Amino acid sequence: MATTRRHLGGPIALLAALSLLACSAAPAPTAAPLPAPAASSAAPPAVAALDPQAQLARACDGGDAAACGRLGGQRVDAGDAQSGTALLKKACEASDITSCARLGDVYDRGQGVPADAAESERLYRVACDLGQGKVAACTDLAGAIERSGEARRAEARAILGRACDADEPRACGYLGLIYTEGLGVPYNDASFRVGAKHYQKSCDLGHLRSCWHLGLLYRTGRGVPQSAARARALFEKACDGGDDSGCHELRERPKDASKPP
């Protein structure tokens, strides 16, 4: 006798199972993709530029004497002599050579303060001593001494000699001027030869005004053999470096550099 296989649960359960199977076989609906964010056309906010003076002030507050001096010099130049000189003094007291020399300039020129030759000389001497006699401030010191009177010219020459030996360009140039102008030394051919050597060294070290001075000597044959070509080369060197006196010689004597002044 054949056995009839019956589905458990009857017809209603069978229909429910078929319905569930149909639902599970169908793919689940997918969510629509979100739109990509629109690219911003606005530029990122610019980083505010740092104020150079604010940077110097922070460095100065942190104990950087050179920063105090630079800030002080800027303030003096801007007309704020009171705070500027205070900062320069602070830096000079901390043994910053440049600041001592700059403060000497302030008192020498009367830049926002009463001119004071004695204080200017003192500050130049402090700077020169800090630089062991080998820095530009020594040339400024010698100039202050020279201006104080003929009696101290030998002292000025000695200071310049030490600085020039240390390759300070302006010191060598100043010595050239002293010997070619007879400032406290004999005014003769020998002094011109000494002066020419100092001008040559100064020019070689990059002091353009000394190149011009040396060119004048070559043009006239004082202390050196006369040479129009050498004179013109020196004027060109001075002019090319930005010295107006060299340019003036080339304009005034475009063809004949040997013509006396």
C-alpha atoms as a PDB file:
ATOM      1  CA  MET A   1       0.000   0.000   0.000  1.00  0.00           C
ATOM      2  CA  ALA A   2       1.529   3.251  -0.993  1.00  0.00           C
ATOM      3  CA  THR A   3       2.218   5.744   1.704  1.00  0.00           C
ATOM      4  CA  THR A   4       1.299   9.341   0.948  1.00  0.00           C
ATOM      5  CA  ARG A   5       3.922  11.901   2.138  1.00  0.00           C
ATOM      6  CA  ARG A   6       2.232  14.731   3.863  1.00  0.00           C
ATOM      7  CA  HIS A   7       3.854  18.166   4.451  1.00  0.00           C
ATOM      8  CA  LEU A   8       3.961  18.884   8.109  1.00  0.00           C
ATOM      9  CA  GLY A   9       1.819  21.786   9.137  1.00  0.00           C
ATOM     10  CA  GLY A  10      -0.750  21.467   6.440  1.00  0.00           C
ATOM     11  CA  PRO A  11      -1.584  23.665   3.490  1.00  0.00           C
ATOM     12  CA  ILE A  12      -1.530  26.951   5.378  1.00  0.00           C
ATOM     13  CA  ALA A  13       1.934  26.317   6.772  1.00  0.00           C
ATOM     14  CA  LEU A  14       3.174  25.379   3.307  1.00  0.00           C
ATOM     15  CA  LEU A  15       1.929  28.623   1.819  1.00  0.00           C
ATOM     16  CA  ALA A  16       3.581  30.620   4.582  1.00  0.00           C
ATOM     17  CA  ALA A  17       6.899  28.849   4.025  1.00  0.00           C
ATOM     18  CA  LEU A  18       6.781  29.472   0.269  1.00  0.00           C
ATOM     19  CA  SER A  19       6.009  33.116   0.873  1.00  0.00           C
ATOM     20  CA  LEU A  20       8.994  33.480   3.250  1.00  0.00           C
ATOM     21  CA  LEU A  21      11.300  31.760   0.758  1.00  0.00           C
ATOM     22  CA  ALA A  22      10.251  34.144  -1.940  1.00  0.00           C
ATOM     23  CA  CYS A  23      10.939  37.115   0.295  1.00  0.00           C
ATOM     24  CA  SER A  24      14.398  35.920   1.317  1.00  0.00           C
ATOM     25  CA  ALA A  25      15.424  35.248  -2.247  1.00  0.00           C
ATOM     26  CA  ALA A  26      14.696  38.782  -3.396  1.00  0.00           C
ATOM     27  CA  PRO A  27      17.662  41.167  -3.211  1.00  0.00           C
ATOM     28  CA  ALA A  28      17.531  43.669  -0.413  1.00  0.00           C
ATOM     29  CA  PRO A  29      17.029  47.209  -1.586  1.00  0.00           C
ATOM     30  CA  THR A  30      20.233  49.320  -1.408  1.00  0.00           C
ATOM     31  CA  ALA A  31      20.333  52.829  -0.073  1.00  0.00           C
ATOM     32  CA  ALA A  32      21.027  55.561  -2.596  1.00  0.00           C
ATOM     33  CA  PRO A  33      24.656  56.801  -2.353  1.00  0.00           C
ATOM     34  CA  LEU A  34      25.099  60.079  -0.523  1.00  0.00           C
ATOM     35  CA  PRO A  35      26.231  62.919  -2.769  1.00  0.00           C
ATOM     36  CA  ALA A  36      29.910  63.828  -2.460  1.00  0.00           C
ATOM     37  CA  PRO A  37      30.492  67.040  -0.596  1.00  0.00           C
ATOM     38  CA  ALA A  38      30.893  69.964  -2.932  1.00  0.00           C
ATOM     39  CA  ALA A  39      34.455  71.214  -3.259  1.00  0.00           C
ATOM     40  CA  SER A  40      34.900  74.507  -1.480  1.00  0.00           C
ATOM     41  CA  SER A  41      36.021  77.325  -3.700  1.00  0.00           C
ATOM     42  CA  ALA A  42      37.093  79.407  -0.731  1.00  0.00           C
ATOM     43  CA  ALA A  43      40.867  79.546  -0.120  1.00  0.00           C
ATOM     44  CA  PRO A  44      42.083  78.423   3.297  1.00  0.00           C
ATOM     45  CA  PRO A  45      42.480  81.298   5.696  1.00  0.00           C
ATOM     46  CA  ALA A  46      45.902  82.910   5.337  1.00  0.00           C
ATOM     47  CA  VAL A  47      48.259  82.580   8.239  1.00  0.00           C
ATOM     48  CA  ALA A  48      48.810  86.017   9.664  1.00  0.00           C
ATOM     49  CA  ALA A  49      52.319  87.273   8.997  1.00  0.00           C
ATOM     50  CA  LEU A  50      54.405  87.532  12.119  1.00  0.00           C
ATOM     51  CA  ASP A  51      55.427  91.070  13.044  1.00  0.00           C
ATOM     52  CA  PRO A  52      59.249  91.240  12.840  1.00  0.00           C
ATOM     53  CA  GLN A  53      59.384  93.715  15.705  1.00  0.00           C
ATOM     54  CA  ALA A  54      57.211  91.430  17.819  1.00  0.00           C
ATOM     55  CA  GLN A  55      59.639  88.602  17.092  1.00  0.00           C
ATOM     56  CA  LEU A  56      62.565  90.772  18.161  1.00  0.00           C
ATOM     57  CA  ALA A  57      60.715  91.822  21.305  1.00  0.00           C
ATOM     58  CA  ARG A  58      60.081  88.200  22.248  1.00  0.00           C
ATOM     59  CA  ALA A  59      63.718  87.307  21.599  1.00  0.00           C
ATOM     60  CA  CYS A  60      64.874  90.310  23.616  1.00  0.00           C
ATOM     61  CA  ASP A  61      62.608  89.331  26.511  1.00  0.00           C
ATOM     62  CA  GLY A  62      64.152  85.876  26.287  1.00  0.00           C
ATOM     63  CA  GLY A  63      67.650  87.261  26.839  1.00  0.00           C
ATOM     64  CA  ASP A  64      68.888  87.751  23.251  1.00  0.00           C
ATOM     65  CA  ALA A  65      71.013  90.898  23.539  1.00  0.00           C
ATOM     66  CA  ALA A  66      71.506  91.224  19.780  1.00  0.00           C
ATOM     67  CA  ALA A  67      67.722  91.193  19.287  1.00  0.00           C
ATOM     68  CA  CYS A  68      67.374  93.966  21.876  1.00  0.00           C
ATOM     69  CA  GLY A  69      69.944  95.993  19.980  1.00  0.00           C
ATOM     70  CA  ARG A  70      68.297  95.508  16.587  1.00  0.00           C
ATOM     71  CA  LEU A  71      64.907  96.426  17.998  1.00  0.00           C
ATOM     72  CA  GLY A  72      66.385  99.448  19.736  1.00  0.00           C
ATOM     73  CA  GLY A  73      68.016 100.661  16.540  1.00  0.00           C
ATOM     74  CA  GLN A  74      64.756 100.286  14.633  1.00  0.00           C
ATOM     75  CA  ARG A  75      62.881 102.286  17.241  1.00  0.00           C
ATOM     76  CA  VAL A  76      65.459 105.061  17.225  1.00  0.00           C
ATOM     77  CA  ASP A  77      65.210 105.241  13.426  1.00  0.00           C
ATOM     78  CA  ALA A  78      61.412 105.400  13.736  1.00  0.00           C
ATOM     79  CA  GLY A  79      61.671 108.392  16.069  1.00  0.00           C
ATOM     80  CA  ASP A  80      61.176 106.599  19.383  1.00  0.00           C
ATOM     81  CA  ALA A  81      64.503 107.555  20.907  1.00  0.00           C
ATOM     82  CA  GLN A  82      63.448 106.949  24.497  1.00  0.00           C
ATOM     83  CA  SER A  83      62.632 103.252  24.221  1.00  0.00           C
ATOM     84  CA  GLY A  84      65.190 102.746  21.454  1.00  0.00           C
ATOM     85  CA  THR A  85      68.140 104.021  23.460  1.00  0.00           C
ATOM     86  CA  ALA A  86      66.955 102.057  26.506  1.00  0.00           C
ATOM     87  CA  LEU A  87      67.059  98.848  24.473  1.00  0.00           C
ATOM     88  CA  LEU A  88      70.450  99.700  22.997  1.00  0.00           C
ATOM     89  CA  LYS A  89      71.823 100.360  26.485  1.00  0.00           C
ATOM     90  CA  LYS A  90      70.427  97.044  27.694  1.00  0.00           C
ATOM     91  CA  ALA A  91      72.126  95.238  24.818  1.00  0.00           C
ATOM     92  CA  CYS A  92      75.403  97.125  25.234  1.00  0.00           C
ATOM     93  CA  GLU A  93      75.484  96.298  28.951  1.00  0.00           C
ATOM     94  CA  ALA A  94      75.134  92.666  27.879  1.00  0.00           C
ATOM     95  CA  SER A  95      78.345  93.098  25.806  1.00  0.00           C
ATOM     96  CA  ASP A  96      76.757  93.246  22.348  1.00  0.00           C
ATOM     97  CA  ILE A  97      79.399  95.038  20.276  1.00  0.00           C
ATOM     98  CA  THR A  98      77.058  96.221  17.532  1.00  0.00           C
ATOM     99  CA  SER A  99      74.647  97.762  20.021  1.00  0.00           C
ATOM    100  CA  CYS A 100      77.400  99.695  21.811  1.00  0.00           C
ATOM    101  CA  ALA A 101      78.623 101.072  18.494  1.00  0.00           C
ATOM    102  CA  ARG A 102      75.081 101.900  17.367  1.00  0.00           C
ATOM    103  CA  LEU A 103      74.450 103.764  20.604  1.00  0.00           C
ATOM    104  CA  GLY A 104      77.692 105.636  20.009  1.00  0.00           C
ATOM    105  CA  ASP A 105      76.277 106.698  16.630  1.00  0.00           C
ATOM    106  CA  VAL A 106      73.091 107.919  18.326  1.00  0.00           C
ATOM    107  CA  TYR A 107      75.032 110.236  20.657  1.00  0.00           C
ATOM    108  CA  ASP A 108      77.465 111.273  17.936  1.00  0.00           C
ATOM    109  CA  ARG A 109      74.654 112.384  15.620  1.00  0.00           C
ATOM    110  CA  GLY A 110      72.241 113.576  18.290  1.00  0.00           C
ATOM    111  CA  GLN A 111      69.644 111.169  16.925  1.00  0.00           C
ATOM    112  CA  GLY A 112      66.687 111.840  19.196  1.00  0.00           C
ATOM    113  CA  VAL A 113      69.007 112.690  22.086  1.00  0.00           C
ATOM    114  CA  PRO A 114      71.320 115.648  22.764  1.00  0.00           C
ATOM    115  CA  ALA A 115      74.600 115.169  20.887  1.00  0.00           C
ATOM    116  CA  ASP A 116      77.333 114.144  23.312  1.00  0.00           C
ATOM    117  CA  ALA A 117      80.831 113.675  21.868  1.00  0.00           C
ATOM    118  CA  ALA A 118      82.285 112.362  25.130  1.00  0.00           C
ATOM    119  CA  GLU A 119      79.561 109.727  25.566  1.00  0.00           C
ATOM    120  CA  SER A 120      79.833 108.765  21.918  1.00  0.00           C
ATOM    121  CA  GLU A 121      83.596 108.238  22.241  1.00  0.00           C
ATOM    122  CA  ARG A 122      83.107 106.213  25.436  1.00  0.00           C
ATOM    123  CA  LEU A 123      80.634 103.890  23.738  1.00  0.00           C
ATOM    124  CA  TYR A 124      82.834 103.455  20.675  1.00  0.00           C
ATOM    125  CA  ARG A 125      85.708 102.558  22.988  1.00  0.00           C
ATOM    126  CA  VAL A 126      83.569  99.985  24.809  1.00  0.00           C
ATOM    127  CA  ALA A 127      82.659  98.397  21.477  1.00  0.00           C
ATOM    128  CA  CYS A 128      86.253  98.500  20.210  1.00  0.00           C
ATOM    129  CA  ASP A 129      87.569  96.914  23.410  1.00  0.00           C
ATOM    130  CA  LEU A 130      84.904  94.196  23.275  1.00  0.00           C
ATOM    131  CA  GLY A 131      86.084  93.470  19.739  1.00  0.00           C
ATOM    132  CA  GLN A 132      89.723  93.357  20.862  1.00  0.00           C
ATOM    133  CA  GLY A 133      90.618  96.300  18.658  1.00  0.00           C
ATOM    134  CA  LYS A 134      89.677  94.482  15.460  1.00  0.00           C
ATOM    135  CA  VAL A 135      86.159  95.719  14.658  1.00  0.00           C
ATOM    136  CA  ALA A 136      84.546  98.564  12.752  1.00  0.00           C
ATOM    137  CA  ALA A 137      83.748 100.385  15.991  1.00  0.00           C
ATOM    138  CA  CYS A 138      87.477 101.004  16.376  1.00  0.00           C
ATOM    139  CA  THR A 139      87.388 103.094  13.215  1.00  0.00           C
ATOM    140  CA  ASP A 140      84.486 105.067  14.686  1.00  0.00           C
ATOM    141  CA  LEU A 141      86.490 105.523  17.889  1.00  0.00           C
ATOM    142  CA  ALA A 142      89.483 106.802  15.934  1.00  0.00           C
ATOM    143  CA  GLY A 143      87.229 109.241  14.106  1.00  0.00           C
ATOM    144  CA  ALA A 144      85.836 110.569  17.380  1.00  0.00           C
ATOM    145  CA  ILE A 145      89.373 111.006  18.735  1.00  0.00           C
ATOM    146  CA  GLU A 146      90.531 112.683  15.525  1.00  0.00           C
ATOM    147  CA  ARG A 147      87.676 115.179  15.743  1.00  0.00           C
ATOM    148  CA  SER A 148      88.542 116.043  19.335  1.00  0.00           C
ATOM    149  CA  GLY A 149      91.746 117.825  18.304  1.00  0.00           C
ATOM    150  CA  GLU A 150      95.189 117.498  16.765  1.00  0.00           C
ATOM    151  CA  ALA A 151      96.819 116.565  20.067  1.00  0.00           C
ATOM    152  CA  ARG A 152      95.273 113.090  19.957  1.00  0.00           C
ATOM    153  CA  ARG A 153      95.972 112.199  16.331  1.00  0.00           C
ATOM    154  CA  ALA A 154      98.757 109.766  17.197  1.00  0.00           C
ATOM    155  CA  GLU A 155      96.316 107.870  19.431  1.00  0.00           C
ATOM    156  CA  ALA A 156      93.824 107.686  16.565  1.00  0.00           C
ATOM    157  CA  ARG A 157      96.477 106.371  14.141  1.00  0.00           C
ATOM    158  CA  ALA A 158      97.495 103.658  16.581  1.00  0.00           C
ATOM    159  CA  ILE A 159      93.893 102.459  16.913  1.00  0.00           C
ATOM    160  CA  LEU A 160      93.446 102.491  13.146  1.00  0.00           C
ATOM    161  CA  GLY A 161      96.710 100.622  12.635  1.00  0.00           C
ATOM    162  CA  ARG A 162      95.606  97.743  14.867  1.00  0.00           C
ATOM    163  CA  ALA A 163      92.212  97.560  13.193  1.00  0.00           C
ATOM    164  CA  CYS A 164      93.689  97.695   9.691  1.00  0.00           C
ATOM    165  CA  ASP A 165      96.141  94.938  10.575  1.00  0.00           C
ATOM    166  CA  ALA A 166      93.043  92.905  11.490  1.00  0.00           C
ATOM    167  CA  ASP A 167      91.587  93.607   8.007  1.00  0.00           C
ATOM    168  CA  GLU A 168      88.969  96.163   9.026  1.00  0.00           C
ATOM    169  CA  PRO A 169      88.361  97.870   5.645  1.00  0.00           C
ATOM    170  CA  ARG A 170      87.336 101.327   6.862  1.00  0.00           C
ATOM    171  CA  ALA A 171      90.306 101.530   9.208  1.00  0.00           C
ATOM    172  CA  CYS A 172      92.686 100.978   6.284  1.00  0.00           C
ATOM    173  CA  GLY A 173      90.808 103.545   4.228  1.00  0.00           C
ATOM    174  CA  TYR A 174      90.971 106.085   7.051  1.00  0.00           C
ATOM    175  CA  LEU A 175      94.729 105.594   7.287  1.00  0.00           C
ATOM    176  CA  GLY A 176      94.956 106.190   3.554  1.00  0.00           C
ATOM    177  CA  LEU A 177      93.165 109.500   4.028  1.00  0.00           C
ATOM    178  CA  ILE A 178      95.396 110.517   6.949  1.00  0.00           C
ATOM    179  CA  TYR A 179      98.607 109.927   5.000  1.00  0.00           C
ATOM    180  CA  THR A 180      97.464 111.466   1.716  1.00  0.00           C
ATOM    181  CA  GLU A 181      96.009 114.551   3.443  1.00  0.00           C
ATOM    182  CA  GLY A 182      98.881 115.015   5.900  1.00  0.00           C
ATOM    183  CA  LEU A 183      96.638 114.794   8.980  1.00  0.00           C
ATOM    184  CA  GLY A 184      99.207 114.753  11.779  1.00  0.00           C
ATOM    185  CA  VAL A 185     101.877 113.262   9.500  1.00  0.00           C
ATOM    186  CA  PRO A 186     104.271 114.832   6.970  1.00  0.00           C
ATOM    187  CA  TYR A 187     102.681 115.791   3.666  1.00  0.00           C
ATOM    188  CA  ASN A 188     105.172 114.521   1.084  1.00  0.00           C
ATOM    189  CA  ASP A 189     105.768 111.826  -1.516  1.00  0.00           C
ATOM    190  CA  ALA A 190     106.628 109.252   1.135  1.00  0.00           C
ATOM    191  CA  SER A 191     103.348 109.815   2.949  1.00  0.00           C
ATOM    192  CA  PHE A 192     101.471 109.468  -0.344  1.00  0.00           C
ATOM    193  CA  ARG A 193     103.130 106.089  -0.901  1.00  0.00           C
ATOM    194  CA  VAL A 194     102.069 104.929   2.549  1.00  0.00           C
ATOM    195  CA  GLY A 195      98.569 106.248   1.963  1.00  0.00           C
ATOM    196  CA  ALA A 196      98.322 104.475  -1.392  1.00  0.00           C
ATOM    197  CA  LYS A 197      99.211 101.141   0.234  1.00  0.00           C
ATOM    198  CA  HIS A 198      96.463 101.609   2.812  1.00  0.00           C
ATOM    199  CA  TYR A 199      93.941 102.557   0.121  1.00  0.00           C
ATOM    200  CA  GLN A 200      94.934  99.495  -1.891  1.00  0.00           C
ATOM    201  CA  LYS A 201      94.346  97.168   1.055  1.00  0.00           C
ATOM    202  CA  SER A 202      91.047  98.833   1.880  1.00  0.00           C
ATOM    203  CA  CYS A 203      89.909  98.579  -1.741  1.00  0.00           C
ATOM    204  CA  ASP A 204      90.930  94.916  -1.873  1.00  0.00           C
ATOM    205  CA  LEU A 205      88.829  94.337   1.267  1.00  0.00           C
ATOM    206  CA  GLY A 206      85.796  95.773  -0.508  1.00  0.00           C
ATOM    207  CA  HIS A 207      85.672  99.404   0.654  1.00  0.00           C
ATOM    208  CA  LEU A 208      84.579 101.082  -2.552  1.00  0.00           C
ATOM    209  CA  ARG A 209      85.311 104.665  -1.550  1.00  0.00           C
ATOM    210  CA  SER A 210      88.943 103.641  -1.081  1.00  0.00           C
ATOM    211  CA  CYS A 211      88.956 102.307  -4.643  1.00  0.00           C
ATOM    212  CA  TRP A 212      87.878 105.754  -5.802  1.00  0.00           C
ATOM    213  CA  HIS A 213      90.580 107.457  -3.703  1.00  0.00           C
ATOM    214  CA  LEU A 214      93.201 105.107  -5.090  1.00  0.00           C
ATOM    215  CA  GLY A 215      91.965 105.840  -8.601  1.00  0.00           C
ATOM    216  CA  LEU A 216      92.594 109.539  -8.006  1.00  0.00           C
ATOM    217  CA  LEU A 217      96.156 108.754  -6.987  1.00  0.00           C
ATOM    218  CA  TYR A 218      96.746 106.722 -10.150  1.00  0.00           C
ATOM    219  CA  ARG A 219      95.222 109.452 -12.255  1.00  0.00           C
ATOM    220  CA  THR A 220      97.597 112.061 -10.860  1.00  0.00           C
ATOM    221  CA  GLY A 221     100.600 109.825 -10.138  1.00  0.00           C
ATOM    222  CA  ARG A 222     100.782 110.665  -6.418  1.00  0.00           C
ATOM    223  CA  GLY A 223     102.332 107.820  -4.427  1.00  0.00           C
ATOM    224  CA  VAL A 224     101.906 105.403  -7.361  1.00  0.00           C
ATOM    225  CA  PRO A 225     102.975 105.371 -11.020  1.00  0.00           C
ATOM    226  CA  GLN A 226     100.582 107.443 -13.091  1.00  0.00           C
ATOM    227  CA  SER A 227      98.210 105.211 -15.066  1.00  0.00           C
ATOM    228  CA  ALA A 228      95.010 106.321 -16.738  1.00  0.00           C
ATOM    229  CA  ALA A 229      94.020 102.708 -17.379  1.00  0.00           C
ATOM    230  CA  ARG A 230      94.521 101.719 -13.745  1.00  0.00           C
ATOM    231  CA  ALA A 231      92.637 104.800 -12.573  1.00  0.00           C
ATOM    232  CA  ARG A 232      89.706 104.013 -14.836  1.00  0.00           C
ATOM    233  CA  ALA A 233      89.596 100.381 -13.692  1.00  0.00           C
ATOM    234  CA  LEU A 234      89.379 101.542 -10.089  1.00  0.00           C
ATOM    235  CA  PHE A 235      86.652 104.077 -10.875  1.00  0.00           C
ATOM    236  CA  GLU A 236      84.710 101.346 -12.648  1.00  0.00           C
ATOM    237  CA  LYS A 237      85.089  99.011  -9.683  1.00  0.00           C
ATOM    238  CA  ALA A 238      83.813 101.700  -7.339  1.00  0.00           C
ATOM    239  CA  CYS A 239      80.938 102.640  -9.636  1.00  0.00           C
ATOM    240  CA  ASP A 240      79.896  99.042 -10.300  1.00  0.00           C
ATOM    241  CA  GLY A 241      79.738  98.507  -6.553  1.00  0.00           C
ATOM    242  CA  GLY A 242      77.449 101.489  -6.078  1.00  0.00           C
ATOM    243  CA  ASP A 243      79.854 104.297  -5.164  1.00  0.00           C
ATOM    244  CA  ASP A 244      78.648 107.550  -6.717  1.00  0.00           C
ATOM    245  CA  SER A 245      82.094 109.152  -6.734  1.00  0.00           C
ATOM    246  CA  GLY A 246      83.419 106.457  -9.037  1.00  0.00           C
ATOM    247  CA  CYS A 247      80.448 106.914 -11.343  1.00  0.00           C
ATOM    248  CA  HIS A 248      80.993 110.674 -11.340  1.00  0.00           C
ATOM    249  CA  GLU A 249      84.586 110.265 -12.526  1.00  0.00           C
ATOM    250  CA  LEU A 250      83.447 108.033 -15.384  1.00  0.00           C
ATOM    251  CA  ARG A 251      80.746 110.501 -16.435  1.00  0.00           C
ATOM    252  CA  GLU A 252      83.012 113.528 -16.238  1.00  0.00           C
ATOM    253  CA  ARG A 253      85.940 111.839 -18.010  1.00  0.00           C
ATOM    254  CA  PRO A 254      84.470 109.150 -20.240  1.00  0.00           C
ATOM    255  CA  LYS A 255      87.571 108.948 -22.424  1.00  0.00           C
ATOM    256  CA  ASP A 256      90.433 110.605 -20.569  1.00  0.00           C
ATOM    257  CA  ALA A 257      90.804 109.279 -17.017  1.00  0.00           C
ATOM    258  CA  SER A 258      94.254 110.861 -16.748  1.00  0.00           C
ATOM    259  CA  LYS A 259      92.954 114.420 -16.774  1.00  0.00           C
ATOM    260  CA  PRO A 260      93.851 116.019 -13.396  1.00  0.00           C
ATOM    261  CA  PRO A 261      91.015 117.068 -11.076  1.00  0.00           C
END
